[in-house]
């Protein structure tokens, strides 16, 4: 087993603390399946209740007491946290939190190292999971299967949790007739298994993330443009295009750009700081608004940060203000003959350069 410790590259964990690894679950018996389904229905009901109470501005302690009585303390606390996140997401998209609907079945349990990694969802072994059934105190038994590349990582997780040295968040999701397990693993441990390099380049790459393209501009320490690359995927914003396929195409495009940067002397990558934006900005253009609603930009950013960590890049985030629709943006377009997205990537790179 690899030693669970931090290293120089993990300084960027302030941006991303955990990485999600997905596996499949299969109940060992029909009774286990029925119990899991009932728990998922009750958990969803608790989350929906919490969103309504949070939207009404009710006291947090009162909501938690009700949720804990509906499930148990750990499930209740997890239901409250996810409900709070859902309400914030609804407000971010300009929706009304009182009209939130929760359609999919799921169960969430937060990590706790003193409880063998998680209070309600635990590894019995690398292939067996057990889930707490709060109504009679029993455990639901399930077979777990992860991709081959994650086997050694999961083995480390199992051993560390048995030693009470690691906690992980767990999400069980019912989708398309299957049951999936999402495990949130500390980025430090994840990178020990999936680090791809340790760059020593001196160039800076700025990235402009968009619904139908990703633009990258590489500059040197003097702000001179050394390279420009764009990956297009316009079909992903069309009506009816599968969200999962669109997500995969965006991630693949970003991965190719980061790999290119790594092999072309880039040591610093710069993204806009989108993680703290409280509300999406819509336009008067219905086509543009459709692109905005179909594009999980912050999710792509998080994946980009993790990808950059794998290569050992230094990661910077800059204020998005002025990177587009500004006097500086217009001047850059005219001076260098750049399109608006490439100009944005260039300004992002320059903002990062000023932080060095």
Protein backbone atom coordinates (compact mmCIF):
# COMPACT_ATOMS: atom_id res chain seq x y z
CA UNK A 1 0.00 0.00 0.00
CA UNK A 2 1.31 3.51 -0.81
CA UNK A 3 1.98 5.85 2.08
CA UNK A 4 -0.90 8.32 2.55
CA UNK A 5 0.85 11.66 2.77
CA UNK A 6 0.87 15.09 1.15
CA UNK A 7 3.59 16.35 -1.19
CA UNK A 8 4.57 19.53 -2.98
CA UNK A 9 1.92 19.10 -5.67
CA UNK A 10 -0.90 18.92 -3.15
CA UNK A 11 -0.67 22.65 -2.33
CA UNK A 12 -3.43 23.12 -4.92
CA UNK A 13 -5.83 20.97 -2.89
CA UNK A 14 -7.21 24.28 -1.61
CA UNK A 15 -8.98 24.41 -4.97
CA UNK A 16 -10.16 20.80 -5.10
CA UNK A 17 -10.09 18.60 -1.98
CA UNK A 18 -11.72 15.41 -3.26
CA UNK A 19 -12.03 13.44 -6.49
CA UNK A 20 -14.99 11.20 -7.25
CA UNK A 21 -14.47 7.59 -8.33
CA UNK A 22 -17.50 5.70 -9.64
CA UNK A 23 -18.26 1.99 -9.29
CA UNK A 24 -21.30 -0.27 -9.69
CA UNK A 25 -23.30 -1.92 -6.91
CA UNK A 26 -25.30 -5.15 -6.96
CA UNK A 27 -27.42 -6.17 -3.94
CA UNK A 28 -26.53 -9.65 -2.69
CA UNK A 29 -30.16 -10.65 -2.08
CA UNK A 30 -33.66 -9.48 -3.14
CA UNK A 31 -34.22 -8.35 0.44
CA UNK A 32 -31.10 -6.18 0.27
CA UNK A 33 -32.42 -4.62 -2.93
CA UNK A 34 -35.83 -3.83 -1.44
CA UNK A 35 -34.27 -2.28 1.65
CA UNK A 36 -31.95 -0.14 -0.47
CA UNK A 37 -34.82 1.10 -2.64
CA UNK A 38 -36.92 1.99 0.41
CA UNK A 39 -33.99 3.87 1.95
CA UNK A 40 -33.45 5.78 -1.32
CA UNK A 41 -37.13 6.79 -1.45
CA UNK A 42 -37.05 7.97 2.17
CA UNK A 43 -33.78 9.84 1.65
CA UNK A 44 -35.19 11.63 -1.39
CA UNK A 45 -38.30 12.54 0.59
CA UNK A 46 -36.09 13.96 3.37
CA UNK A 47 -34.06 16.04 0.90
CA UNK A 48 -37.19 17.46 -0.72
CA UNK A 49 -38.60 18.35 2.70
CA UNK A 50 -35.33 20.08 3.60
CA UNK A 51 -35.29 22.18 0.40
CA UNK A 52 -38.78 23.48 1.22
CA UNK A 53 -37.84 24.33 4.80
CA UNK A 54 -34.56 26.01 3.78
CA UNK A 55 -36.40 28.05 1.13
CA UNK A 56 -38.85 29.20 3.82
CA UNK A 57 -35.95 30.30 6.01
CA UNK A 58 -36.69 27.93 8.89
CA UNK A 59 -34.20 27.39 11.70
CA UNK A 60 -31.39 24.96 10.81
CA UNK A 61 -31.56 23.08 14.11
CA UNK A 62 -35.27 22.47 13.70
CA UNK A 63 -34.79 21.11 10.18
CA UNK A 64 -31.99 18.81 11.33
CA UNK A 65 -34.06 17.42 14.19
CA UNK A 66 -36.83 16.50 11.76
CA UNK A 67 -34.44 14.93 9.23
CA UNK A 68 -32.68 12.88 11.90
CA UNK A 69 -36.03 11.54 13.09
CA UNK A 70 -36.90 10.56 9.50
CA UNK A 71 -33.62 8.68 8.94
CA UNK A 72 -30.72 8.73 11.40
CA UNK A 73 -28.26 11.42 12.46
CA UNK A 74 -25.67 10.80 9.75
CA UNK A 75 -28.22 10.42 6.93
CA UNK A 76 -30.17 13.42 8.24
CA UNK A 77 -27.09 15.64 8.29
CA UNK A 78 -26.20 14.51 4.75
CA UNK A 79 -29.74 15.19 3.53
CA UNK A 80 -29.56 18.71 4.92
CA UNK A 81 -26.21 19.43 3.26
CA UNK A 82 -27.33 18.23 -0.16
CA UNK A 83 -30.63 20.12 0.17
CA UNK A 84 -28.70 23.30 0.94
CA UNK A 85 -26.54 22.72 -2.14
CA UNK A 86 -29.61 22.13 -4.31
CA UNK A 87 -31.21 25.36 -3.09
CA UNK A 88 -28.03 27.32 -3.84
CA UNK A 89 -27.85 25.76 -7.30
CA UNK A 90 -31.46 26.70 -7.97
CA UNK A 91 -30.80 30.29 -6.94
CA UNK A 92 -27.61 30.33 -9.06
CA UNK A 93 -29.71 29.42 -12.11
CA UNK A 94 -32.36 32.02 -11.30
CA UNK A 95 -35.00 29.50 -10.20
CA UNK A 96 -37.46 29.45 -7.31
CA UNK A 97 -36.24 27.11 -4.50
CA UNK A 98 -39.83 26.49 -3.39
CA UNK A 99 -40.55 24.74 -6.68
CA UNK A 100 -37.61 22.32 -6.57
CA UNK A 101 -38.37 18.76 -7.66
CA UNK A 102 -36.11 15.82 -6.85
CA UNK A 103 -36.74 13.06 -9.38
CA UNK A 104 -33.86 10.59 -9.12
CA UNK A 105 -33.40 8.12 -6.30
CA UNK A 106 -30.18 8.51 -4.36
CA UNK A 107 -28.56 8.14 -0.95
CA UNK A 108 -25.73 10.26 0.44
CA UNK A 109 -23.56 9.76 3.51
CA UNK A 110 -20.72 12.04 4.55
CA UNK A 111 -17.32 10.73 5.56
CA UNK A 112 -16.13 10.11 9.10
CA UNK A 113 -12.67 8.60 9.71
CA UNK A 114 -13.48 7.47 13.26
CA UNK A 115 -16.33 5.36 11.83
CA UNK A 116 -14.16 3.39 9.41
CA UNK A 117 -14.33 6.02 6.70
CA UNK A 118 -18.08 6.55 6.63
CA UNK A 119 -20.82 6.09 9.20
CA UNK A 120 -23.44 4.61 6.88
CA UNK A 121 -21.67 3.35 3.73
CA UNK A 122 -18.60 1.21 4.46
CA UNK A 123 -16.19 -1.07 2.69
CA UNK A 124 -16.37 -4.59 4.06
CA UNK A 125 -13.68 -5.46 1.50
CA UNK A 126 -12.62 -4.16 -1.90
CA UNK A 127 -15.57 -6.03 -3.46
CA UNK A 128 -18.24 -5.75 -0.75
CA UNK A 129 -20.01 -2.66 0.58
CA UNK A 130 -22.47 -2.45 3.43
CA UNK A 131 -25.07 0.27 3.85
CA UNK A 132 -26.75 1.10 7.16
CA UNK A 133 -30.49 0.45 7.19
CA UNK A 134 -31.70 2.93 9.84
CA UNK A 135 -35.12 1.36 10.48
CA UNK A 136 -33.88 -1.78 12.23
CA UNK A 137 -30.13 -1.14 12.55
CA UNK A 138 -29.18 -3.88 10.06
CA UNK A 139 -26.73 -3.60 7.16
CA UNK A 140 -27.63 -3.87 3.47
CA UNK A 141 -24.97 -5.95 1.69
CA UNK A 142 -23.88 -5.15 -1.87
CA UNK A 143 -21.23 -6.33 -4.28
CA UNK A 144 -19.02 -3.47 -5.54
CA UNK A 145 -17.16 -3.34 -8.85
CA UNK A 146 -14.71 -0.61 -9.89
CA UNK A 147 -12.75 -0.15 -13.10
CA UNK A 148 -9.44 -1.98 -13.31
CA UNK A 149 -7.42 1.23 -13.12
CA UNK A 150 -8.97 2.06 -9.73
CA UNK A 151 -8.32 -1.29 -8.04
CA UNK A 152 -5.07 -0.31 -6.30
CA UNK A 153 -6.57 3.02 -5.23
CA UNK A 154 -9.65 1.37 -3.73
CA UNK A 155 -7.42 -1.16 -1.99
CA UNK A 156 -5.59 1.72 -0.30
CA UNK A 157 -8.92 3.27 0.67
CA UNK A 158 -10.09 0.01 2.26
CA UNK A 159 -6.88 -0.43 4.27
CA UNK A 160 -6.75 3.19 5.42
CA UNK A 161 -10.38 3.19 6.55
CA UNK A 162 -9.85 0.02 8.57
CA UNK A 163 -7.01 1.86 10.33
CA UNK A 164 -9.34 4.87 10.83
CA UNK A 165 -6.94 7.12 8.91
CA UNK A 166 -9.23 8.15 6.06
CA UNK A 167 -12.76 9.41 5.51
CA UNK A 168 -14.72 9.47 2.25
CA UNK A 169 -18.09 10.73 1.13
CA UNK A 170 -20.42 8.22 -0.53
CA UNK A 171 -23.32 8.70 -2.93
CA UNK A 172 -25.49 5.83 -4.16
CA UNK A 173 -27.37 6.67 -7.36
CA UNK A 174 -30.12 4.76 -9.18
CA UNK A 175 -29.86 5.39 -12.92
CA UNK A 176 -31.08 3.53 -16.02
CA UNK A 177 -31.90 0.38 -14.07
CA UNK A 178 -28.48 0.22 -12.42
CA UNK A 179 -27.04 1.25 -9.07
CA UNK A 180 -23.85 3.33 -8.97
CA UNK A 181 -21.55 4.18 -6.09
CA UNK A 182 -19.73 7.53 -6.12
CA UNK A 183 -16.83 7.66 -3.66
CA UNK A 184 -15.19 11.04 -2.88
CA UNK A 185 -11.52 10.31 -2.26
CA UNK A 186 -8.97 12.86 -0.93
CA UNK A 187 -7.05 14.42 -3.82
CA UNK A 188 -3.71 13.69 -2.13
CA UNK A 189 -4.31 9.95 -2.22
CA UNK A 190 -5.80 10.08 -5.72
CA UNK A 191 -2.76 11.85 -7.17
CA UNK A 192 -0.40 9.30 -5.70
CA UNK A 193 -1.99 6.77 -8.05
CA UNK A 194 -2.69 8.94 -11.11
CA UNK A 195 0.03 11.58 -11.30
CA UNK A 196 1.27 11.82 -14.89
CA UNK A 197 4.21 14.17 -14.57
CA UNK A 198 5.87 17.05 -12.80
CA UNK A 199 6.25 19.93 -15.19
CA UNK A 200 9.19 22.33 -15.05
CA UNK A 201 8.13 24.55 -17.96
CA UNK A 202 8.24 28.34 -17.75
CA UNK A 203 5.36 29.28 -20.08
CA UNK A 204 1.83 30.23 -18.96
CA UNK A 205 -1.39 28.90 -20.53
CA UNK A 206 -4.72 30.70 -20.19
CA UNK A 207 -7.98 28.78 -20.76
CA UNK A 208 -11.38 30.13 -21.79
CA UNK A 209 -14.04 27.48 -21.20
CA UNK A 210 -17.19 27.69 -23.32
CA UNK A 211 -20.21 25.53 -24.12
CA UNK A 212 -19.09 24.75 -27.69
CA UNK A 213 -15.31 25.29 -27.57
CA UNK A 214 -12.26 25.60 -25.33
CA UNK A 215 -9.60 28.17 -26.17
CA UNK A 216 -6.01 28.08 -24.94
CA UNK A 217 -3.38 30.78 -25.34
CA UNK A 218 0.21 30.17 -24.24
CA UNK A 219 2.36 33.18 -23.34
CA UNK A 220 5.91 33.64 -22.07
CA UNK A 221 7.04 35.57 -19.00
CA UNK A 222 6.90 38.81 -20.99
CA UNK A 223 3.30 38.31 -22.09
CA UNK A 224 4.21 37.45 -25.69
CA UNK A 225 1.92 34.94 -27.38
CA UNK A 226 3.81 31.71 -28.06
CA UNK A 227 0.98 29.41 -29.13
CA UNK A 228 -2.79 29.34 -29.69
CA UNK A 229 -5.05 26.30 -29.80
CA UNK A 230 -8.83 25.80 -29.89
CA UNK A 231 -10.93 22.68 -29.61
CA UNK A 232 -14.44 22.97 -31.07
CA UNK A 233 -17.51 20.82 -30.38
CA UNK A 234 -20.49 22.90 -31.64
CA UNK A 235 -22.84 19.92 -31.88
CA UNK A 236 -23.08 19.54 -28.08
CA UNK A 237 -25.35 22.58 -27.71
CA UNK A 238 -27.93 21.39 -30.22
CA UNK A 239 -31.41 20.31 -29.12
CA UNK A 240 -31.55 16.71 -27.96
CA UNK A 241 -27.79 16.15 -27.78
CA UNK A 242 -27.08 13.73 -24.87
CA UNK A 243 -25.71 15.53 -21.80
CA UNK A 244 -23.40 12.66 -20.92
CA UNK A 245 -21.88 12.64 -24.40
CA UNK A 246 -21.48 16.43 -24.33
CA UNK A 247 -19.70 16.19 -20.99
CA UNK A 248 -17.35 13.52 -22.32
CA UNK A 249 -16.49 15.56 -25.41
CA UNK A 250 -15.69 18.66 -23.33
CA UNK A 251 -13.51 16.68 -20.93
CA UNK A 252 -11.64 15.01 -23.78
CA UNK A 253 -11.04 18.38 -25.44
CA UNK A 254 -9.70 19.91 -22.22
CA UNK A 255 -7.52 16.84 -21.56
CA UNK A 256 -5.93 17.12 -25.02
CA UNK A 257 -5.17 20.82 -24.51
CA UNK A 258 -3.58 20.21 -21.10
CA UNK A 259 -1.50 17.34 -22.49
CA UNK A 260 -0.34 19.61 -25.33
CA UNK A 261 0.57 22.32 -22.81
CA UNK A 262 2.55 19.84 -20.71
CA UNK A 263 4.63 18.75 -23.71
CA UNK A 264 5.21 22.36 -24.85
CA UNK A 265 6.99 23.85 -21.83
CA UNK A 266 3.97 25.16 -19.91
CA UNK A 267 4.43 25.26 -16.15
CA UNK A 268 1.44 27.39 -15.11
CA UNK A 269 -2.20 27.07 -16.17
CA UNK A 270 -4.75 29.80 -15.52
CA UNK A 271 -8.52 29.53 -15.29
CA UNK A 272 -11.24 32.01 -14.42
CA UNK A 273 -12.39 31.74 -10.81
CA UNK A 274 -15.96 30.55 -11.33
CA UNK A 275 -16.40 28.57 -8.11
CA UNK A 276 -17.64 31.54 -6.07
CA UNK A 277 -20.08 33.05 -8.59
CA UNK A 278 -23.52 33.22 -6.94
CA UNK A 279 -25.76 33.57 -9.99
CA UNK A 280 -25.62 32.84 -13.72
CA UNK A 281 -25.88 35.80 -16.06
CA UNK A 282 -28.40 35.32 -18.84
CA UNK A 283 -28.65 37.39 -22.02
CA UNK A 284 -31.46 38.53 -24.33
CA UNK A 285 -30.33 35.97 -26.90
CA UNK A 286 -32.34 32.72 -26.52
CA UNK A 287 -29.66 30.68 -28.35
CA UNK A 288 -26.96 31.95 -26.00
CA UNK A 289 -29.18 31.26 -22.99
CA UNK A 290 -29.72 27.68 -24.15
CA UNK A 291 -25.96 27.21 -24.31
CA UNK A 292 -25.60 28.64 -20.81
CA UNK A 293 -28.21 26.32 -19.31
CA UNK A 294 -26.76 23.26 -21.07
CA UNK A 295 -23.19 23.99 -19.95
CA UNK A 296 -22.01 22.99 -16.47
CA UNK A 297 -19.03 25.34 -16.61
CA UNK A 298 -18.03 25.04 -12.96
CA UNK A 299 -18.05 21.25 -13.21
CA UNK A 300 -15.74 21.41 -16.25
CA UNK A 301 -13.48 23.79 -14.33
CA UNK A 302 -13.21 21.36 -11.41
CA UNK A 303 -12.30 18.53 -13.77
CA UNK A 304 -9.76 20.81 -15.44
CA UNK A 305 -8.11 21.58 -12.11
CA UNK A 306 -7.81 17.87 -11.29
CA UNK A 307 -6.36 17.14 -14.75
CA UNK A 308 -3.84 19.96 -14.28
CA UNK A 309 -2.85 18.57 -10.88
CA UNK A 310 -2.03 15.22 -12.51
CA UNK A 311 0.58 16.94 -14.67
CA UNK A 312 2.01 18.91 -11.76
CA UNK A 313 1.07 22.30 -13.20
CA UNK A 314 0.93 25.31 -10.94
CA UNK A 315 -2.74 26.32 -11.03
CA UNK A 316 -3.97 29.89 -10.80
CA UNK A 317 -7.50 31.28 -10.80
CA UNK A 318 -8.22 34.87 -11.77
CA UNK A 319 -11.18 37.23 -11.51
CA UNK A 320 -13.40 36.77 -14.61
CA UNK A 321 -14.24 40.49 -14.61
CA UNK A 322 -12.88 42.14 -17.74
CA UNK A 323 -12.00 38.93 -19.58
CA UNK A 324 -14.85 39.61 -22.01
CA UNK A 325 -17.10 42.53 -23.03
CA UNK A 326 -14.59 45.10 -21.81
CA UNK A 327 -12.42 47.83 -23.35
CA UNK A 328 -9.29 45.74 -22.80
CA UNK A 329 -10.96 42.75 -24.46
CA UNK A 330 -11.90 44.79 -27.53
CA UNK A 331 -8.41 46.29 -27.78
CA UNK A 332 -6.80 42.85 -27.64
CA UNK A 333 -9.08 41.59 -30.42
CA UNK A 334 -8.14 44.51 -32.68
CA UNK A 335 -4.42 44.55 -31.86
CA UNK A 336 -3.78 40.84 -32.38
CA UNK A 337 -6.62 39.94 -34.74
CA UNK A 338 -8.08 37.42 -32.30
CA UNK A 339 -11.64 36.17 -32.04
CA UNK A 340 -13.45 37.01 -28.81
CA UNK A 341 -12.85 33.64 -27.10
CA UNK A 342 -9.14 33.53 -27.94
CA UNK A 343 -8.84 37.12 -26.72
CA UNK A 344 -10.45 36.06 -23.44
CA UNK A 345 -7.96 33.20 -23.04
CA UNK A 346 -5.10 35.64 -23.68
CA UNK A 347 -6.36 38.10 -21.06
CA UNK A 348 -6.78 35.21 -18.59
CA UNK A 349 -3.14 34.21 -19.22
CA UNK A 350 -1.97 37.79 -18.67
CA UNK A 351 -3.93 38.04 -15.41
CA UNK A 352 -2.22 34.88 -14.25
CA UNK A 353 1.17 36.27 -15.26
CA UNK A 354 0.61 39.26 -12.98
CA UNK A 355 0.15 36.89 -10.01
CA UNK A 356 3.55 35.24 -10.49
